[in-house]
Protein backbone atom coordinates (compact mmCIF):
# COMPACT_ATOMS: atom_id res chain seq x y z
CA UNK A 1 2.64 -15.99 -46.76
CA UNK A 2 1.87 -16.35 -43.09
CA UNK A 3 5.11 -14.56 -42.13
CA UNK A 4 4.25 -11.66 -44.45
CA UNK A 5 0.79 -11.40 -42.92
CA UNK A 6 2.31 -11.53 -39.46
CA UNK A 7 4.82 -8.75 -40.28
CA UNK A 8 2.15 -6.62 -41.89
CA UNK A 9 -0.04 -7.08 -38.83
CA UNK A 10 2.73 -5.98 -36.48
CA UNK A 11 3.36 -2.88 -38.58
CA UNK A 12 -0.32 -1.98 -38.54
CA UNK A 13 -0.50 -2.52 -34.80
CA UNK A 14 2.56 -0.43 -33.90
CA UNK A 15 1.96 2.39 -31.49
CA UNK A 16 1.79 5.95 -32.74
CA UNK A 17 3.47 8.74 -30.83
CA UNK A 18 0.82 11.40 -31.44
CA UNK A 19 2.98 14.17 -29.90
CA UNK A 20 5.91 13.34 -32.17
CA UNK A 21 3.67 13.18 -35.23
CA UNK A 22 2.16 16.56 -34.31
CA UNK A 23 5.62 18.13 -33.85
CA UNK A 24 6.85 16.87 -37.21
CA UNK A 25 3.60 17.82 -38.96
CA UNK A 26 3.91 21.37 -37.56
CA UNK A 27 7.44 21.75 -38.99
CA UNK A 28 6.72 20.12 -42.35
CA UNK A 29 6.49 22.59 -45.25
CA UNK A 30 3.33 22.92 -47.31
CA UNK A 31 2.91 20.61 -50.31
CA UNK A 32 3.81 23.22 -52.95
CA UNK A 33 7.45 23.81 -51.89
CA UNK A 34 7.94 20.07 -51.43
CA UNK A 35 6.58 19.49 -54.94
CA UNK A 36 9.00 22.15 -56.26
CA UNK A 37 11.88 20.44 -54.43
CA UNK A 38 10.96 17.10 -55.98
CA UNK A 39 10.91 18.74 -59.42
CA UNK A 40 14.36 20.25 -58.78
CA UNK A 41 15.76 16.85 -57.91
CA UNK A 42 14.21 15.40 -61.08
CA UNK A 43 16.29 17.89 -63.09
CA UNK A 44 19.38 16.47 -61.40
CA UNK A 45 18.29 12.99 -62.49
CA UNK A 46 19.91 13.22 -65.93
CA UNK A 47 23.63 12.51 -66.34
CA UNK A 48 24.01 14.93 -69.26
CA UNK A 49 22.60 17.77 -67.18
CA UNK A 50 24.89 16.77 -64.31
CA UNK A 51 27.89 16.94 -66.66
CA UNK A 52 26.81 20.35 -67.96
CA UNK A 53 26.46 21.71 -64.44
CA UNK A 54 29.82 20.23 -63.50
CA UNK A 55 31.46 21.91 -66.50
CA UNK A 56 29.89 25.23 -65.55
CA UNK A 57 31.50 24.96 -62.10
CA UNK A 58 34.78 25.47 -63.91
CA UNK A 59 33.87 28.21 -66.34
CA UNK A 60 31.11 29.99 -68.23
CA UNK A 61 30.76 28.15 -71.52
CA UNK A 62 28.97 28.46 -74.84
CA UNK A 63 26.70 25.77 -76.26
CA UNK A 64 29.43 24.88 -78.74
CA UNK A 65 32.04 24.55 -76.00
CA UNK A 66 29.78 22.28 -73.94
CA UNK A 67 28.81 20.21 -77.00
CA UNK A 68 32.47 19.72 -77.84
CA UNK A 69 33.36 18.84 -74.25
CA UNK A 70 30.60 16.24 -73.96
CA UNK A 71 30.88 15.02 -77.57
CA UNK A 72 27.23 15.79 -78.26
CA UNK A 73 25.32 17.89 -80.76
CA UNK A 74 24.65 21.55 -80.07
CA UNK A 75 20.95 20.81 -80.44
CA UNK A 76 21.06 18.19 -77.67
CA UNK A 77 23.01 20.54 -75.39
CA UNK A 78 20.64 23.42 -76.13
CA UNK A 79 17.71 21.23 -75.10
CA UNK A 80 19.36 20.32 -71.80
CA UNK A 81 20.35 23.94 -71.15
CA UNK A 82 16.73 24.96 -71.68
CA UNK A 83 15.67 22.47 -69.00
CA UNK A 84 18.35 23.81 -66.65
CA UNK A 85 17.35 27.40 -67.38
CA UNK A 86 13.67 26.65 -66.72
CA UNK A 87 14.69 25.15 -63.37
CA UNK A 88 16.66 28.35 -62.65
CA UNK A 89 19.92 26.43 -62.38
CA UNK A 90 21.73 28.24 -65.19
CA UNK A 91 21.61 31.70 -66.66
CA UNK A 92 23.03 33.12 -69.86
CA UNK A 93 24.57 36.25 -71.25
CA UNK A 94 25.24 37.25 -74.84
CA UNK A 95 28.59 38.44 -76.08
CA UNK A 96 28.16 39.38 -79.72
CA UNK A 97 26.59 36.38 -81.42
CA UNK A 98 27.77 33.93 -78.77
CA UNK A 99 25.66 32.98 -75.75
CA UNK A 100 27.55 31.98 -72.60
CA UNK A 101 25.96 29.93 -69.86
CA UNK A 102 26.86 29.99 -66.19
CA UNK A 103 25.47 28.65 -62.94
CA UNK A 104 22.64 30.74 -61.58
CA UNK A 105 24.01 30.90 -58.01
CA UNK A 106 26.25 29.24 -55.41
CA UNK A 107 23.44 27.06 -54.05
CA UNK A 108 23.89 24.67 -56.95
CA UNK A 109 27.53 24.07 -56.10
CA UNK A 110 26.61 23.40 -52.46
CA UNK A 111 23.98 20.86 -53.54
CA UNK A 112 26.58 19.08 -55.68
CA UNK A 113 29.26 19.16 -52.99
CA UNK A 114 26.88 17.62 -50.45
CA UNK A 115 25.72 15.02 -52.97
CA UNK A 116 29.29 14.05 -53.84
CA UNK A 117 30.22 13.90 -50.17
CA UNK A 118 27.26 11.60 -49.57
CA UNK A 119 28.05 9.15 -52.38
CA UNK A 120 31.77 9.06 -51.54
CA UNK A 121 31.14 7.90 -47.95
């Protein structure tokens, strides 16, 4: 216990570089965009959604195609696509009775490429 108290005390007593803190504070975005960023990353926190996005890198796909690819029900895939659509990660277009999903923009692919690069290091 004494070592923990000692470490805690040294952390509390560390010097603060007020100029550095002020510089970083000035560049830090407002809370709202940071909250939105955290919500975006939460959407990426589900492996089924990650697989759906990965599949859509390759091709626009229907709910049935994605369900077959991932061996899941169309209902389960539709739910996940709704989450992705609400996060503005996917969009859809109708062709007759079939709805095809695609990635909303190239930013999503860049996020994935950087993430994969990071975990492969």
